C-alpha atoms as a PDB file:
ATOM      1  CA  MET A   1       0.958   7.005   3.744  1.00  0.00           C
ATOM      2  CA  PHE A   2      -2.503   8.659   4.579  1.00  0.00           C
ATOM      3  CA  PRO A   3      -5.141   8.352   5.788  1.00  0.00           C
ATOM      4  CA  ASN A   4      -4.150   5.411   7.991  1.00  0.00           C
ATOM      5  CA  PRO A   5      -6.273   3.800   9.312  1.00  0.00           C
ATOM      6  CA  THR A   6      -8.554   4.098   6.366  1.00  0.00           C
ATOM      7  CA  THR A   7     -11.881   2.736   5.073  1.00  0.00           C
ATOM      8  CA  ASP A   8     -11.696   3.148   1.117  1.00  0.00           C
ATOM      9  CA  SER A   9      -8.286   4.450  -0.123  1.00  0.00           C
ATOM     10  CA  PHE A  10      -4.822   5.790   0.838  1.00  0.00           C
ATOM     11  CA  LYS A  11      -2.053   7.659  -0.779  1.00  0.00           C
ATOM     12  CA  ILE A  12       1.719   7.548  -0.342  1.00  0.00           C
ATOM     13  CA  ASN A  13       4.278  10.254  -0.524  1.00  0.00           C
ATOM     14  CA  ASP A  14       4.949  11.567  -4.094  1.00  0.00           C
ATOM     15  CA  CYS A  15       8.608  10.756  -3.589  1.00  0.00           C
ATOM     16  CA  PHE A  16       7.752   7.075  -4.280  1.00  0.00           C
ATOM     17  CA  ILE A  17       6.386   7.816  -7.742  1.00  0.00           C
ATOM     18  CA  GLY A  18       7.701   5.170 -10.229  1.00  0.00           C
ATOM     19  CA  SER A  19       7.955   2.568  -7.271  1.00  0.00           C
ATOM     20  CA  LYS A  20       6.611  -0.830  -7.050  1.00  0.00           C
ATOM     21  CA  LEU A  21       3.891  -1.039  -4.383  1.00  0.00           C
ATOM     22  CA  THR A  22       2.743  -4.336  -2.898  1.00  0.00           C
ATOM     23  CA  ILE A  23       0.155  -4.873  -0.184  1.00  0.00           C
ATOM     24  CA  PHE A  24       0.228  -8.076   1.879  1.00  0.00           C
ATOM     25  CA  ASP A  25      -2.492  -9.521   4.148  1.00  0.00           C
ATOM     26  CA  ALA A  26      -1.829 -10.543   7.819  1.00  0.00           C
ATOM     27  CA  ILE A  27      -0.658 -14.091   6.727  1.00  0.00           C
ATOM     28  CA  GLY A  28       1.848 -12.713   4.034  1.00  0.00           C
ATOM     29  CA  ARG A  29      -0.392 -13.236   0.852  1.00  0.00           C
ATOM     30  CA  GLU A  30       0.103 -10.470  -1.851  1.00  0.00           C
ATOM     31  CA  VAL A  31      -3.434  -8.924  -2.206  1.00  0.00           C
ATOM     32  CA  TYR A  32      -2.604  -5.759  -4.313  1.00  0.00           C
ATOM     33  CA  LEU A  33       0.301  -5.033  -6.592  1.00  0.00           C
ATOM     34  CA  VAL A  34       1.124  -1.900  -8.649  1.00  0.00           C
ATOM     35  CA  ASN A  35       4.593  -1.945 -10.664  1.00  0.00           C
ATOM     36  CA  ASN A  36       4.974   1.741 -11.387  1.00  0.00           C
ATOM     37  CA  TYR A  37       3.225   3.713  -8.806  1.00  0.00           C
ATOM     38  CA  ASN A  38       2.003   7.172 -10.424  1.00  0.00           C
ATOM     39  CA  GLY A  39       0.790   9.032  -7.236  1.00  0.00           C
ATOM     40  CA  GLU A  40      -2.966   7.869  -7.628  1.00  0.00           C
ATOM     41  CA  GLN A  41      -5.249   6.779  -4.719  1.00  0.00           C
ATOM     42  CA  ILE A  42      -4.827   3.149  -3.800  1.00  0.00           C
ATOM     43  CA  LEU A  43      -8.358   1.760  -3.285  1.00  0.00           C
ATOM     44  CA  THR A  44      -8.939  -0.340  -0.337  1.00  0.00           C
ATOM     45  CA  SER A  45     -12.585  -0.640  -0.402  1.00  0.00           C
ATOM     46  CA  GLU A  46     -12.457  -4.303  -1.978  1.00  0.00           C
ATOM     47  CA  LEU A  47     -10.040  -5.486   1.115  1.00  0.00           C
ATOM     48  CA  PRO A  48     -11.624  -6.961   4.199  1.00  0.00           C
ATOM     49  CA  SER A  49     -11.151  -5.101   7.477  1.00  0.00           C
ATOM     50  CA  GLY A  50      -7.859  -5.908   9.002  1.00  0.00           C
ATOM     51  CA  GLN A  51      -4.133  -5.067   9.164  1.00  0.00           C
ATOM     52  CA  TYR A  52      -1.803  -5.059   6.120  1.00  0.00           C
ATOM     53  CA  LEU A  53       1.545  -4.431   5.198  1.00  0.00           C
ATOM     54  CA  VAL A  54       2.547  -2.011   2.354  1.00  0.00           C
ATOM     55  CA  LYS A  55       5.923  -2.542   0.863  1.00  0.00           C
ATOM     56  CA  VAL A  56       7.233   0.073  -1.654  1.00  0.00           C
ATOM     57  CA  ASN A  57      10.387  -0.738  -3.418  1.00  0.00           C
ATOM     58  CA  LYS A  58      12.325   2.185  -5.175  1.00  0.00           C
ATOM     59  CA  SER A  59      15.655   1.706  -6.608  1.00  0.00           C
ATOM     60  CA  GLY A  60      16.298  -1.492  -4.566  1.00  0.00           C
ATOM     61  CA  ILE A  61      15.344  -0.037  -1.317  1.00  0.00           C
ATOM     62  CA  ASN A  62      12.465  -1.275   0.472  1.00  0.00           C
ATOM     63  CA  HIS A  63       9.981   0.870   2.809  1.00  0.00           C
ATOM     64  CA  THR A  64       7.456  -1.230   4.768  1.00  0.00           C
ATOM     65  CA  GLN A  65       4.475   0.193   6.716  1.00  0.00           C
ATOM     66  CA  LYS A  66       1.544  -1.128   8.490  1.00  0.00           C
ATOM     67  CA  LEU A  67      -1.908  -0.309   7.053  1.00  0.00           C
ATOM     68  CA  ILE A  68      -5.399  -0.771   8.822  1.00  0.00           C
ATOM     69  CA  VAL A  69      -8.411  -1.081   6.792  1.00  0.00           C
ATOM     70  CA  TYR A  70     -11.600  -0.909   8.824  1.00  0.00           C
END
């Protein structure tokens, strides 16, 4: 996932194309969802500054990483 930290957008590795991508805020609320990630930039400019968790699910396997938006 890059760039991280970010101000307006980020991208994840192309090996996750076709995955479900979910962003959660610091208290666990879902704030963004893509059911079929196609390699596009994920816009974060509408999100308040803070820490988020990005969860990617591909073929039933979850990958989670912290994202910082400032």
